[in-house]
PDB file of N, CA and C in Angstrom:
ATOM      1  N   MET A   1     104.546  32.381 126.807  1.00  0.00           N
ATOM      2  CA  MET A   1     103.320  31.658 126.512  1.00  0.00           C
ATOM      3  C   MET A   1     103.572  30.581 125.461  1.00  0.00           C
ATOM      4  N   PHE A   2     104.404  30.898 124.468  1.00  0.00           N
ATOM      5  CA  PHE A   2     104.637  29.969 123.373  1.00  0.00           C
ATOM      6  C   PHE A   2     106.125  29.739 123.159  1.00  0.00           C
ATOM      7  N   GLU A   3     106.423  28.535 122.747  1.00  0.00           N
ATOM      8  CA  GLU A   3     107.761  28.226 122.256  1.00  0.00           C
ATOM      9  C   GLU A   3     107.579  27.608 120.885  1.00  0.00           C
ATOM     10  N   LEU A   4     108.062  28.306 119.879  1.00  0.00           N
ATOM     11  CA  LEU A   4     107.941  27.824 118.510  1.00  0.00           C
ATOM     12  C   LEU A   4     109.259  27.218 118.072  1.00  0.00           C
ATOM     13  N   ASP A   5     109.168  26.162 117.305  1.00  0.00           N
ATOM     14  CA  ASP A   5     110.359  25.519 116.755  1.00  0.00           C
ATOM     15  C   ASP A   5     110.562  26.046 115.341  1.00  0.00           C
ATOM     16  N   LEU A   6     111.468  27.000 115.216  1.00  0.00           N
ATOM     17  CA  LEU A   6     111.696  27.639 113.922  1.00  0.00           C
ATOM     18  C   LEU A   6     112.396  26.709 112.945  1.00  0.00           C
ATOM     19  N   ARG A   7     112.964  25.610 113.437  1.00  0.00           N
ATOM     20  CA  ARG A   7     113.635  24.644 112.559  1.00  0.00           C
ATOM     21  C   ARG A   7     112.709  23.508 112.133  1.00  0.00           C
ATOM     22  N   SER A   8     111.516  23.493 112.678  1.00  0.00           N
ATOM     23  CA  SER A   8     110.559  22.431 112.347  1.00  0.00           C
ATOM     24  C   SER A   8     110.078  22.571 110.906  1.00  0.00           C
ATOM     25  N   ARG A   9     109.732  21.446 110.329  1.00  0.00           N
ATOM     26  CA  ARG A   9     109.149  21.465 108.979  1.00  0.00           C
ATOM     27  C   ARG A   9     107.697  21.928 109.021  1.00  0.00           C
ATOM     28  N   LYS A  10     107.108  21.889 110.204  1.00  0.00           N
ATOM     29  CA  LYS A  10     105.721  22.314 110.367  1.00  0.00           C
ATOM     30  C   LYS A  10     105.676  23.847 110.314  1.00  0.00           C
ATOM     31  N   PRO A  11     104.807  24.407 109.481  1.00  0.00           N
ATOM     32  CA  PRO A  11     104.718  25.867 109.379  1.00  0.00           C
ATOM     33  C   PRO A  11     104.428  26.526 110.730  1.00  0.00           C
ATOM     34  N   ILE A  12     104.940  27.730 110.906  1.00  0.00           N
ATOM     35  CA  ILE A  12     104.797  28.438 112.176  1.00  0.00           C
ATOM     36  C   ILE A  12     103.326  28.664 112.511  1.00  0.00           C
ATOM     37  N   TYR A  13     102.513  29.011 111.508  1.00  0.00           N
ATOM     38  CA  TYR A  13     101.103  29.266 111.815  1.00  0.00           C
ATOM     39  C   TYR A  13     100.421  27.999 112.324  1.00  0.00           C
ATOM     40  N   GLU A  14     100.805  26.824 111.806  1.00  0.00           N
ATOM     41  CA  GLU A  14     100.226  25.565 112.296  1.00  0.00           C
ATOM     42  C   GLU A  14     100.681  25.286 113.727  1.00  0.00           C
ATOM     43  N   GLN A  15     101.927  25.607 114.036  1.00  0.00           N
ATOM     44  CA  GLN A  15     102.406  25.455 115.409  1.00  0.00           C
ATOM     45  C   GLN A  15     101.591  26.345 116.346  1.00  0.00           C
ATOM     46  N   LEU A  16     101.324  27.578 115.908  1.00  0.00           N
ATOM     47  CA  LEU A  16     100.515  28.493 116.713  1.00  0.00           C
ATOM     48  C   LEU A  16      99.097  27.952 116.907  1.00  0.00           C
ATOM     49  N   VAL A  17      98.495  27.455 115.841  1.00  0.00           N
ATOM     50  CA  VAL A  17      97.143  26.897 115.924  1.00  0.00           C
ATOM     51  C   VAL A  17      97.125  25.751 116.942  1.00  0.00           C
ATOM     52  N   ASP A  18      98.100  24.857 116.858  1.00  0.00           N
ATOM     53  CA  ASP A  18      98.169  23.722 117.781  1.00  0.00           C
ATOM     54  C   ASP A  18      98.345  24.178 119.226  1.00  0.00           C
ATOM     55  N   LYS A  19      99.204  25.173 119.446  1.00  0.00           N
ATOM     56  CA  LYS A  19      99.438  25.683 120.812  1.00  0.00           C
ATOM     57  C   LYS A  19      98.175  26.313 121.371  1.00  0.00           C
ATOM     58  N   PHE A  20      97.490  27.138 120.555  1.00  0.00           N
ATOM     59  CA  PHE A  20      96.252  27.761 121.031  1.00  0.00           C
ATOM     60  C   PHE A  20      95.185  26.709 121.312  1.00  0.00           C
ATOM     61  N   LYS A  21      95.047  25.709 120.436  1.00  0.00           N
ATOM     62  CA  LYS A  21      94.073  24.645 120.674  1.00  0.00           C
ATOM     63  C   LYS A  21      94.359  23.947 121.994  1.00  0.00           C
ATOM     64  N   GLU A  22      95.627  23.651 122.232  1.00  0.00           N
ATOM     65  CA  GLU A  22      96.019  22.983 123.478  1.00  0.00           C
ATOM     66  C   GLU A  22      95.633  23.836 124.685  1.00  0.00           C
ATOM     67  N   LEU A  23      95.897  25.135 124.627  1.00  0.00           N
ATOM     68  CA  LEU A  23      95.554  26.034 125.732  1.00  0.00           C
ATOM     69  C   LEU A  23      94.043  26.130 125.930  1.00  0.00           C
ATOM     70  N   ILE A  24      93.302  26.121 124.835  1.00  0.00           N
ATOM     71  CA  ILE A  24      91.842  26.203 124.931  1.00  0.00           C
ATOM     72  C   ILE A  24      91.260  24.893 125.452  1.00  0.00           C
ATOM     73  N   ILE A  25      91.724  23.776 124.917  1.00  0.00           N
ATOM     74  CA  ILE A  25      91.214  22.465 125.338  1.00  0.00           C
ATOM     75  C   ILE A  25      91.516  22.204 126.808  1.00  0.00           C
ATOM     76  N   ASN A  26      92.715  22.600 127.253  1.00  0.00           N
ATOM     77  CA  ASN A  26      93.099  22.393 128.655  1.00  0.00           C
ATOM     78  C   ASN A  26      92.577  23.500 129.566  1.00  0.00           C
ATOM     79  N   GLU A  27      91.759  24.375 129.007  1.00  0.00           N
ATOM     80  CA  GLU A  27      91.091  25.451 129.733  1.00  0.00           C
ATOM     81  C   GLU A  27      92.062  26.411 130.408  1.00  0.00           C
ATOM     82  N   VAL A  28      93.254  26.554 129.830  1.00  0.00           N
ATOM     83  CA  VAL A  28      94.170  27.599 130.280  1.00  0.00           C
ATOM     84  C   VAL A  28      93.611  28.934 129.794  1.00  0.00           C
ATOM     85  N   LEU A  29      93.109  28.932 128.569  1.00  0.00           N
ATOM     86  CA  LEU A  29      92.378  30.077 128.035  1.00  0.00           C
ATOM     87  C   LEU A  29      90.893  29.770 128.190  1.00  0.00           C
ATOM     88  N   LYS A  30      90.199  30.609 128.904  1.00  0.00           N
ATOM     89  CA  LYS A  30      88.787  30.383 129.218  1.00  0.00           C
ATOM     90  C   LYS A  30      87.875  30.994 128.146  1.00  0.00           C
ATOM     91  N   ALA A  31      86.638  30.546 128.138  1.00  0.00           N
ATOM     92  CA  ALA A  31      85.643  31.076 127.197  1.00  0.00           C
ATOM     93  C   ALA A  31      85.533  32.588 127.356  1.00  0.00           C
ATOM     94  N   ASP A  32      85.456  33.270 126.238  1.00  0.00           N
ATOM     95  CA  ASP A  32      85.329  34.723 126.148  1.00  0.00           C
ATOM     96  C   ASP A  32      86.586  35.483 126.583  1.00  0.00           C
ATOM     97  N   GLU A  33      87.674  34.765 126.834  1.00  0.00           N
ATOM     98  CA  GLU A  33      88.932  35.435 127.165  1.00  0.00           C
ATOM     99  C   GLU A  33      89.548  35.988 125.878  1.00  0.00           C
ATOM    100  N   GLN A  34      90.052  37.206 125.969  1.00  0.00           N
ATOM    101  CA  GLN A  34      90.626  37.841 124.787  1.00  0.00           C
ATOM    102  C   GLN A  34      92.028  37.302 124.522  1.00  0.00           C
ATOM    103  N   LEU A  35      92.307  37.020 123.247  1.00  0.00           N
ATOM    104  CA  LEU A  35      93.637  36.586 122.832  1.00  0.00           C
ATOM    105  C   LEU A  35      94.522  37.816 122.656  1.00  0.00           C
ATOM    106  N   PRO A  36      95.832  37.630 122.712  1.00  0.00           N
ATOM    107  CA  PRO A  36      96.723  38.770 122.474  1.00  0.00           C
ATOM    108  C   PRO A  36      96.478  39.344 121.078  1.00  0.00           C
ATOM    109  N   SER A  37      96.680  40.646 120.944  1.00  0.00           N
ATOM    110  CA  SER A  37      96.497  41.260 119.627  1.00  0.00           C
ATOM    111  C   SER A  37      97.538  40.697 118.671  1.00  0.00           C
ATOM    112  N   VAL A  38      97.221  40.750 117.398  1.00  0.00           N
ATOM    113  CA  VAL A  38      98.132  40.253 116.364  1.00  0.00           C
ATOM    114  C   VAL A  38      99.479  40.957 116.488  1.00  0.00           C
ATOM    115  N   ARG A  39      99.440  42.270 116.600  1.00  0.00           N
ATOM    116  CA  ARG A  39     100.672  43.062 116.669  1.00  0.00           C
ATOM    117  C   ARG A  39     101.498  42.715 117.912  1.00  0.00           C
ATOM    118  N   ALA A  40     100.839  42.626 119.066  1.00  0.00           N
ATOM    119  CA  ALA A  40     101.558  42.331 120.311  1.00  0.00           C
ATOM    120  C   ALA A  40     102.196  40.941 120.278  1.00  0.00           C
ATOM    121  N   LEU A  41     101.439  39.951 119.801  1.00  0.00           N
ATOM    122  CA  LEU A  41     101.964  38.588 119.748  1.00  0.00           C
ATOM    123  C   LEU A  41     103.097  38.476 118.726  1.00  0.00           C
ATOM    124  N   ALA A  42     102.956  39.181 117.606  1.00  0.00           N
ATOM    125  CA  ALA A  42     104.013  39.170 116.587  1.00  0.00           C
ATOM    126  C   ALA A  42     105.305  39.766 117.154  1.00  0.00           C
ATOM    127  N   GLN A  43     105.185  40.839 117.926  1.00  0.00           N
ATOM    128  CA  GLN A  43     106.370  41.447 118.545  1.00  0.00           C
ATOM    129  C   GLN A  43     106.979  40.515 119.586  1.00  0.00           C
ATOM    130  N   GLN A  44     106.117  39.902 120.388  1.00  0.00           N
ATOM    131  CA  GLN A  44     106.585  39.002 121.446  1.00  0.00           C
ATOM    132  C   GLN A  44     107.333  37.801 120.865  1.00  0.00           C
ATOM    133  N   LEU A  45     106.784  37.223 119.800  1.00  0.00           N
ATOM    134  CA  LEU A  45     107.380  36.028 119.199  1.00  0.00           C
ATOM    135  C   LEU A  45     108.393  36.362 118.102  1.00  0.00           C
ATOM    136  N   MET A  46     108.461  37.633 117.748  1.00  0.00           N
ATOM    137  CA  MET A  46     109.356  38.112 116.705  1.00  0.00           C
ATOM    138  C   MET A  46     109.111  37.386 115.379  1.00  0.00           C
ATOM    139  N   ILE A  47     107.837  37.355 114.996  1.00  0.00           N
ATOM    140  CA  ILE A  47     107.459  36.775 113.706  1.00  0.00           C
ATOM    141  C   ILE A  47     106.525  37.740 112.989  1.00  0.00           C
ATOM    142  N   ASN A  48     106.291  37.486 111.726  1.00  0.00           N
ATOM    143  CA  ASN A  48     105.473  38.348 110.891  1.00  0.00           C
ATOM    144  C   ASN A  48     104.018  38.362 111.387  1.00  0.00           C
ATOM    145  N   PRO A  49     103.410  39.547 111.516  1.00  0.00           N
ATOM    146  CA  PRO A  49     102.009  39.626 111.942  1.00  0.00           C
ATOM    147  C   PRO A  49     101.056  38.841 111.037  1.00  0.00           C
ATOM    148  N   ASN A  50     101.400  38.717 109.749  1.00  0.00           N
ATOM    149  CA  ASN A  50     100.546  37.944 108.837  1.00  0.00           C
ATOM    150  C   ASN A  50     100.464  36.478 109.257  1.00  0.00           C
ATOM    151  N   THR A  51     101.529  35.971 109.860  1.00  0.00           N
ATOM    152  CA  THR A  51     101.545  34.591 110.348  1.00  0.00           C
ATOM    153  C   THR A  51     100.550  34.431 111.498  1.00  0.00           C
ATOM    154  N   ILE A  52     100.547  35.400 112.404  1.00  0.00           N
ATOM    155  CA  ILE A  52      99.599  35.379 113.527  1.00  0.00           C
ATOM    156  C   ILE A  52      98.171  35.468 112.984  1.00  0.00           C
ATOM    157  N   GLN A  53      97.972  36.380 112.047  1.00  0.00           N
ATOM    158  CA  GLN A  53      96.647  36.569 111.459  1.00  0.00           C
ATOM    159  C   GLN A  53      96.151  35.282 110.795  1.00  0.00           C
ATOM    160  N   LYS A  54      97.044  34.592 110.113  1.00  0.00           N
ATOM    161  CA  LYS A  54      96.680  33.333 109.448  1.00  0.00           C
ATOM    162  C   LYS A  54      96.285  32.282 110.484  1.00  0.00           C
ATOM    163  N   ALA A  55      97.014  32.215 111.585  1.00  0.00           N
ATOM    164  CA  ALA A  55      96.695  31.264 112.660  1.00  0.00           C
ATOM    165  C   ALA A  55      95.339  31.601 113.274  1.00  0.00           C
ATOM    166  N   TYR A  56      95.098  32.876 113.542  1.00  0.00           N
ATOM    167  CA  TYR A  56      93.819  33.293 114.119  1.00  0.00           C
ATOM    168  C   TYR A  56      92.666  32.974 113.162  1.00  0.00           C
ATOM    169  N   ARG A  57      92.889  33.201 111.864  1.00  0.00           N
ATOM    170  CA  ARG A  57      91.858  32.909 110.867  1.00  0.00           C
ATOM    171  C   ARG A  57      91.525  31.411 110.860  1.00  0.00           C
ATOM    172  N   GLU A  58      92.563  30.574 110.957  1.00  0.00           N
ATOM    173  CA  GLU A  58      92.356  29.122 110.988  1.00  0.00           C
ATOM    174  C   GLU A  58      91.606  28.703 112.255  1.00  0.00           C
ATOM    175  N   LEU A  59      91.968  29.283 113.388  1.00  0.00           N
ATOM    176  CA  LEU A  59      91.275  28.979 114.646  1.00  0.00           C
ATOM    177  C   LEU A  59      89.813  29.411 114.579  1.00  0.00           C
ATOM    178  N   GLU A  60      89.564  30.525 113.913  1.00  0.00           N
ATOM    179  CA  GLU A  60      88.183  30.990 113.763  1.00  0.00           C
ATOM    180  C   GLU A  60      87.403  30.066 112.827  1.00  0.00           C
ATOM    181  N   ASN A  61      88.043  29.600 111.756  1.00  0.00           N
ATOM    182  CA  ASN A  61      87.391  28.656 110.843  1.00  0.00           C
ATOM    183  C   ASN A  61      87.021  27.362 111.549  1.00  0.00           C
ATOM    184  N   GLN A  62      87.828  26.968 112.523  1.00  0.00           N
ATOM    185  CA  GLN A  62      87.571  25.735 113.269  1.00  0.00           C
ATOM    186  C   GLN A  62      86.704  25.991 114.509  1.00  0.00           C
ATOM    187  N   ASN A  63      86.227  27.224 114.662  1.00  0.00           N
ATOM    188  CA  ASN A  63      85.341  27.628 115.763  1.00  0.00           C
ATOM    189  C   ASN A  63      85.972  27.571 117.150  1.00  0.00           C
ATOM    190  N   TYR A  64      87.280  27.668 117.233  1.00  0.00           N
ATOM    191  CA  TYR A  64      87.926  27.746 118.542  1.00  0.00           C
ATOM    192  C   TYR A  64      87.894  29.172 119.074  1.00  0.00           C
ATOM    193  N   ILE A  65      87.857  30.138 118.174  1.00  0.00           N
ATOM    194  CA  ILE A  65      87.803  31.540 118.578  1.00  0.00           C
ATOM    195  C   ILE A  65      86.787  32.276 117.712  1.00  0.00           C
ATOM    196  N   TYR A  66      86.437  33.468 118.153  1.00  0.00           N
ATOM    197  CA  TYR A  66      85.597  34.353 117.344  1.00  0.00           C
ATOM    198  C   TYR A  66      86.193  35.749 117.432  1.00  0.00           C
ATOM    199  N   SER A  67      85.915  36.547 116.416  1.00  0.00           N
ATOM    200  CA  SER A  67      86.458  37.904 116.417  1.00  0.00           C
ATOM    201  C   SER A  67      85.329  38.919 116.515  1.00  0.00           C
ATOM    202  N   VAL A  68      85.649  40.022 117.177  1.00  0.00           N
ATOM    203  CA  VAL A  68      84.736  41.143 117.296  1.00  0.00           C
ATOM    204  C   VAL A  68      85.432  42.325 116.651  1.00  0.00           C
ATOM    205  N   LYS A  69      84.813  42.873 115.626  1.00  0.00           N
ATOM    206  CA  LYS A  69      85.434  43.950 114.862  1.00  0.00           C
ATOM    207  C   LYS A  69      85.814  45.106 115.798  1.00  0.00           C
ATOM    208  N   GLY A  70      87.070  45.495 115.713  1.00  0.00           N
ATOM    209  CA  GLY A  70      87.571  46.601 116.513  1.00  0.00           C
ATOM    210  C   GLY A  70      87.942  46.237 117.931  1.00  0.00           C
ATOM    211  N   LYS A  71      87.649  45.012 118.356  1.00  0.00           N
ATOM    212  CA  LYS A  71      87.930  44.585 119.740  1.00  0.00           C
ATOM    213  C   LYS A  71      89.008  43.510 119.807  1.00  0.00           C
ATOM    214  N   GLY A  72      89.028  42.587 118.830  1.00  0.00           N
ATOM    215  CA  GLY A  72      90.016  41.520 118.831  1.00  0.00           C
ATOM    216  C   GLY A  72      89.384  40.149 118.744  1.00  0.00           C
ATOM    217  N   CYS A  73      90.175  39.148 119.103  1.00  0.00           N
ATOM    218  CA  CYS A  73      89.730  37.748 119.041  1.00  0.00           C
ATOM    219  C   CYS A  73      89.538  37.206 120.453  1.00  0.00           C
ATOM    220  N   PHE A  74      88.528  36.354 120.586  1.00  0.00           N
ATOM    221  CA  PHE A  74      88.154  35.806 121.880  1.00  0.00           C
ATOM    222  C   PHE A  74      87.943  34.302 121.771  1.00  0.00           C
ATOM    223  N   VAL A  75      88.130  33.594 122.891  1.00  0.00           N
ATOM    224  CA  VAL A  75      87.943  32.143 122.937  1.00  0.00           C
ATOM    225  C   VAL A  75      86.450  31.831 122.896  1.00  0.00           C
ATOM    226  N   ASN A  76      86.076  30.906 122.036  1.00  0.00           N
ATOM    227  CA  ASN A  76      84.696  30.472 121.909  1.00  0.00           C
ATOM    228  C   ASN A  76      84.327  29.538 123.057  1.00  0.00           C
ATOM    229  N   HIS A  77      83.039  29.462 123.361  1.00  0.00           N
ATOM    230  CA  HIS A  77      82.553  28.485 124.338  1.00  0.00           C
ATOM    231  C   HIS A  77      82.727  27.098 123.743  1.00  0.00           C
ATOM    232  N   SER A  78      83.023  26.121 124.572  1.00  0.00           N
ATOM    233  CA  SER A  78      83.310  24.773 124.065  1.00  0.00           C
ATOM    234  C   SER A  78      82.146  24.178 123.285  1.00  0.00           C
ATOM    235  N   SER A  79      80.921  24.592 123.579  1.00  0.00           N
ATOM    236  CA  SER A  79      79.766  24.061 122.858  1.00  0.00           C
ATOM    237  C   SER A  79      79.777  24.473 121.387  1.00  0.00           C
ATOM    238  N   TYR A  80      80.508  25.555 121.055  1.00  0.00           N
ATOM    239  CA  TYR A  80      80.584  26.001 119.668  1.00  0.00           C
ATOM    240  C   TYR A  80      81.705  25.309 118.903  1.00  0.00           C
ATOM    241  N   ILE A  81      82.609  24.671 119.633  1.00  0.00           N
ATOM    242  CA  ILE A  81      83.752  24.031 118.991  1.00  0.00           C
ATOM    243  C   ILE A  81      83.331  22.645 118.528  1.00  0.00           C
ATOM    244  N   GLN A  82      82.810  22.593 117.337  1.00  0.00           N
ATOM    245  CA  GLN A  82      82.384  21.322 116.778  1.00  0.00           C
ATOM    246  C   GLN A  82      82.889  21.252 115.350  1.00  0.00           C
ATOM    247  N   ASN A  83      83.760  20.332 115.134  1.00  0.00           N
ATOM    248  CA  ASN A  83      84.296  20.149 113.800  1.00  0.00           C
ATOM    249  C   ASN A  83      84.086  18.678 113.474  1.00  0.00           C
ATOM    250  N   SER A  84      82.955  18.368 112.871  1.00  0.00           N
ATOM    251  CA  SER A  84      82.570  16.971 112.673  1.00  0.00           C
ATOM    252  C   SER A  84      83.597  16.190 111.864  1.00  0.00           C
ATOM    253  N   GLU A  85      84.239  16.839 110.905  1.00  0.00           N
ATOM    254  CA  GLU A  85      85.258  16.146 110.115  1.00  0.00           C
ATOM    255  C   GLU A  85      86.422  15.723 111.018  1.00  0.00           C
ATOM    256  N   LYS A  86      86.846  16.612 111.888  1.00  0.00           N
ATOM    257  CA  LYS A  86      87.943  16.321 112.812  1.00  0.00           C
ATOM    258  C   LYS A  86      87.517  15.230 113.803  1.00  0.00           C
ATOM    259  N   ILE A  87      86.295  15.312 114.282  1.00  0.00           N
ATOM    260  CA  ILE A  87      85.795  14.305 115.224  1.00  0.00           C
ATOM    261  C   ILE A  87      85.783  12.932 114.569  1.00  0.00           C
ATOM    262  N   GLN A  88      85.323  12.854 113.329  1.00  0.00           N
ATOM    263  CA  GLN A  88      85.311  11.573 112.613  1.00  0.00           C
ATOM    264  C   GLN A  88      86.726  11.033 112.426  1.00  0.00           C
ATOM    265  N   SER A  89      87.654  11.910 112.131  1.00  0.00           N
ATOM    266  CA  SER A  89      89.044  11.514 111.956  1.00  0.00           C
ATOM    267  C   SER A  89      89.621  10.960 113.256  1.00  0.00           C
ATOM    268  N   ILE A  90      89.325  11.630 114.363  1.00  0.00           N
ATOM    269  CA  ILE A  90      89.809  11.179 115.672  1.00  0.00           C
ATOM    270  C   ILE A  90      89.192   9.830 116.035  1.00  0.00           C
ATOM    271  N   LYS A  91      87.894   9.683 115.788  1.00  0.00           N
ATOM    272  CA  LYS A  91      87.229   8.404 116.089  1.00  0.00           C
ATOM    273  C   LYS A  91      87.844   7.263 115.286  1.00  0.00           C
ATOM    274  N   LYS A  92      88.127   7.520 114.023  1.00  0.00           N
ATOM    275  CA  LYS A  92      88.726   6.499 113.166  1.00  0.00           C
ATOM    276  C   LYS A  92      90.107   6.110 113.695  1.00  0.00           C
ATOM    277  N   GLU A  93      90.904   7.102 114.049  1.00  0.00           N
ATOM    278  CA  GLU A  93      92.255   6.850 114.578  1.00  0.00           C
ATOM    279  C   GLU A  93      92.191   6.121 115.914  1.00  0.00           C
ATOM    280  N   LEU A  94      91.257   6.541 116.785  1.00  0.00           N
ATOM    281  CA  LEU A  94      91.089   5.868 118.072  1.00  0.00           C
ATOM    282  C   LEU A  94      90.697   4.405 117.894  1.00  0.00           C
ATOM    283  N   LYS A  95      89.779   4.150 116.981  1.00  0.00           N
ATOM    284  CA  LYS A  95      89.342   2.771 116.731  1.00  0.00           C
ATOM    285  C   LYS A  95      90.537   1.909 116.324  1.00  0.00           C
ATOM    286  N   LYS A  96      91.360   2.454 115.444  1.00  0.00           N
ATOM    287  CA  LYS A  96      92.542   1.725 114.978  1.00  0.00           C
ATOM    288  C   LYS A  96      93.503   1.453 116.145  1.00  0.00           C
ATOM    289  N   LEU A  97      93.747   2.468 116.973  1.00  0.00           N
ATOM    290  CA  LEU A  97      94.680   2.323 118.089  1.00  0.00           C
ATOM    291  C   LEU A  97      94.142   1.381 119.171  1.00  0.00           C
ATOM    292  N   ILE A  98      92.850   1.479 119.447  1.00  0.00           N
ATOM    293  CA  ILE A  98      92.258   0.603 120.463  1.00  0.00           C
ATOM    294  C   ILE A  98      92.271  -0.845 119.988  1.00  0.00           C
ATOM    295  N   THR A  99      91.964  -1.074 118.727  1.00  0.00           N
ATOM    296  CA  THR A  99      92.016  -2.430 118.160  1.00  0.00           C
ATOM    297  C   THR A  99      93.417  -3.004 118.298  1.00  0.00           C
ATOM    298  N   GLU A 100      94.408  -2.183 117.975  1.00  0.00           N
ATOM    299  CA  GLU A 100      95.796  -2.634 118.087  1.00  0.00           C
ATOM    300  C   GLU A 100      96.171  -2.906 119.543  1.00  0.00           C
ATOM    301  N   ALA A 101      95.738  -2.035 120.457  1.00  0.00           N
ATOM    302  CA  ALA A 101      96.031  -2.218 121.879  1.00  0.00           C
ATOM    303  C   ALA A 101      95.423  -3.520 122.402  1.00  0.00           C
ATOM    304  N   LEU A 102      94.178  -3.786 122.029  1.00  0.00           N
ATOM    305  CA  LEU A 102      93.526  -5.024 122.454  1.00  0.00           C
ATOM    306  C   LEU A 102      94.247  -6.239 121.879  1.00  0.00           C
ATOM    307  N   TYR A 103      94.658  -6.149 120.634  1.00  0.00           N
ATOM    308  CA  TYR A 103      95.394  -7.234 119.984  1.00  0.00           C
ATOM    309  C   TYR A 103      96.713  -7.511 120.717  1.00  0.00           C
ATOM    310  N   LEU A 104      97.364  -6.446 121.198  1.00  0.00           N
ATOM    311  CA  LEU A 104      98.651  -6.595 121.892  1.00  0.00           C
ATOM    312  C   LEU A 104      98.494  -7.009 123.356  1.00  0.00           C
ATOM    313  N   GLY A 105      97.242  -7.146 123.813  1.00  0.00           N
ATOM    314  CA  GLY A 105      97.019  -7.672 125.150  1.00  0.00           C
ATOM    315  C   GLY A 105      96.674  -6.665 126.221  1.00  0.00           C
ATOM    316  N   ILE A 106      96.476  -5.417 125.857  1.00  0.00           N
ATOM    317  CA  ILE A 106      96.056  -4.428 126.851  1.00  0.00           C
ATOM    318  C   ILE A 106      94.577  -4.671 127.131  1.00  0.00           C
ATOM    319  N   SER A 107      94.252  -4.796 128.404  1.00  0.00           N
ATOM    320  CA  SER A 107      92.871  -5.121 128.765  1.00  0.00           C
ATOM    321  C   SER A 107      91.959  -3.905 128.635  1.00  0.00           C
ATOM    322  N   THR A 108      90.664  -4.197 128.564  1.00  0.00           N
ATOM    323  CA  THR A 108      89.662  -3.137 128.496  1.00  0.00           C
ATOM    324  C   THR A 108      89.734  -2.264 129.737  1.00  0.00           C
ATOM    325  N   ASN A 109      89.950  -2.879 130.894  1.00  0.00           N
ATOM    326  CA  ASN A 109      90.056  -2.119 132.144  1.00  0.00           C
ATOM    327  C   ASN A 109      91.266  -1.182 132.118  1.00  0.00           C
ATOM    328  N   GLU A 110      92.395  -1.633 131.558  1.00  0.00           N
ATOM    329  CA  GLU A 110      93.575  -0.775 131.450  1.00  0.00           C
ATOM    330  C   GLU A 110      93.291   0.410 130.535  1.00  0.00           C
ATOM    331  N   LEU A 111      92.615   0.143 129.425  1.00  0.00           N
ATOM    332  CA  LEU A 111      92.270   1.226 128.506  1.00  0.00           C
ATOM    333  C   LEU A 111      91.338   2.230 129.180  1.00  0.00           C
ATOM    334  N   TYR A 112      90.359   1.712 129.910  1.00  0.00           N
ATOM    335  CA  TYR A 112      89.421   2.583 130.607  1.00  0.00           C
ATOM    336  C   TYR A 112      90.164   3.439 131.638  1.00  0.00           C
ATOM    337  N   SER A 113      91.092   2.823 132.385  1.00  0.00           N
ATOM    338  CA  SER A 113      91.885   3.565 133.376  1.00  0.00           C
ATOM    339  C   SER A 113      92.716   4.658 132.714  1.00  0.00           C
ATOM    340  N   MET A 114      93.276   4.342 131.551  1.00  0.00           N
ATOM    341  CA  MET A 114      94.069   5.335 130.822  1.00  0.00           C
ATOM    342  C   MET A 114      93.201   6.518 130.400  1.00  0.00           C
ATOM    343  N   ILE A 115      91.999   6.222 129.929  1.00  0.00           N
ATOM    344  CA  ILE A 115      91.083   7.284 129.509  1.00  0.00           C
ATOM    345  C   ILE A 115      90.715   8.162 130.695  1.00  0.00           C
ATOM    346  N   LYS A 116      90.403   7.548 131.826  1.00  0.00           N
ATOM    347  CA  LYS A 116      90.055   8.313 133.032  1.00  0.00           C
ATOM    348  C   LYS A 116      91.225   9.184 133.486  1.00  0.00           C
ATOM    349  N   GLU A 117      92.430   8.630 133.413  1.00  0.00           N
ATOM    350  CA  GLU A 117      93.624   9.373 133.807  1.00  0.00           C
ATOM    351  C   GLU A 117      93.835  10.586 132.891  1.00  0.00           C
ATOM    352  N   ILE A 118      93.661  10.377 131.604  1.00  0.00           N
ATOM    353  CA  ILE A 118      93.817  11.470 130.641  1.00  0.00           C
ATOM    354  C   ILE A 118      92.736  12.524 130.864  1.00  0.00           C
ATOM    355  N   GLU A 119      91.519  12.074 131.102  1.00  0.00           N
ATOM    356  CA  GLU A 119      90.427  13.013 131.347  1.00  0.00           C
ATOM    357  C   GLU A 119      90.707  13.855 132.593  1.00  0.00           C
ATOM    358  N   THR A 120      91.204  13.219 133.635  1.00  0.00           N
ATOM    359  CA  THR A 120      91.508  13.926 134.869  1.00  0.00           C
ATOM    360  C   THR A 120      92.615  14.956 134.662  1.00  0.00           C
ATOM    361  N   SER A 121      93.654  14.571 133.946  1.00  0.00           N
ATOM    362  CA  SER A 121      94.764  15.505 133.729  1.00  0.00           C
ATOM    363  C   SER A 121      94.392  16.616 132.764  1.00  0.00           C
ATOM    364  N   THR A 122      93.483  16.365 131.838  1.00  0.00           N
ATOM    365  CA  THR A 122      93.105  17.361 130.838  1.00  0.00           C
ATOM    366  C   THR A 122      92.075  18.351 131.373  1.00  0.00           C
ATOM    367  N   ARG A 123      91.124  17.884 132.118  1.00  0.00           N
ATOM    368  CA  ARG A 123      90.033  18.763 132.551  1.00  0.00           C
ATOM    369  C   ARG A 123      89.975  18.936 134.054  1.00  0.00           C
ATOM    370  N   GLY A 124      91.007  18.581 134.747  1.00  0.00           N
ATOM    371  CA  GLY A 124      91.013  18.763 136.192  1.00  0.00           C
ATOM    372  C   GLY A 124      89.997  17.896 136.890  1.00  0.00           C
ATOM    373  N   GLY A 125      89.618  16.768 136.280  1.00  0.00           N
ATOM    374  CA  GLY A 125      88.702  15.840 136.915  1.00  0.00           C
ATOM    375  C   GLY A 125      87.237  16.173 136.719  1.00  0.00           C
ATOM    376  N   GLU A 126      86.942  17.275 136.030  1.00  0.00           N
ATOM    377  CA  GLU A 126      85.552  17.653 135.808  1.00  0.00           C
ATOM    378  C   GLU A 126      85.023  16.958 134.565  1.00  0.00           C
ATOM    379  N   PHE A 127      83.775  16.542 134.638  1.00  0.00           N
ATOM    380  CA  PHE A 127      83.145  15.930 133.476  1.00  0.00           C
ATOM    381  C   PHE A 127      82.454  17.021 132.677  1.00  0.00           C
ATOM    382  N   SER A 128      82.510  16.872 131.346  1.00  0.00           N
ATOM    383  CA  SER A 128      81.861  17.900 130.517  1.00  0.00           C
ATOM    384  C   SER A 128      80.454  17.522 130.209  1.00  0.00           C
TER     385      SER A 128
END
């Protein structure tokens, strides 16, 4: 399920958070699907369970998952995944990149086509 880069400067828990976000965003992990237990995932990846717990805690803080006491962690519905600070950051970065793309001569139609292509590959062509 995961390939972690143990030589990366990026902490392992952040790599886990990014991998889980990618799986959730691409709908590989569906809403209300249970995540592997901390112990099982730690054994599978051969890393400290505290690292898994830290990643799960971060995902829960960002509303990507929720926990049920005694049952485990589950994927949140996409409507609950709202992190306005992150959204503002992405919008700011997109504005900068789109401005640069337009300056370099990429047309609005090309940008629109790229967005549609990304949307299709990310969500299987379904509109949210």
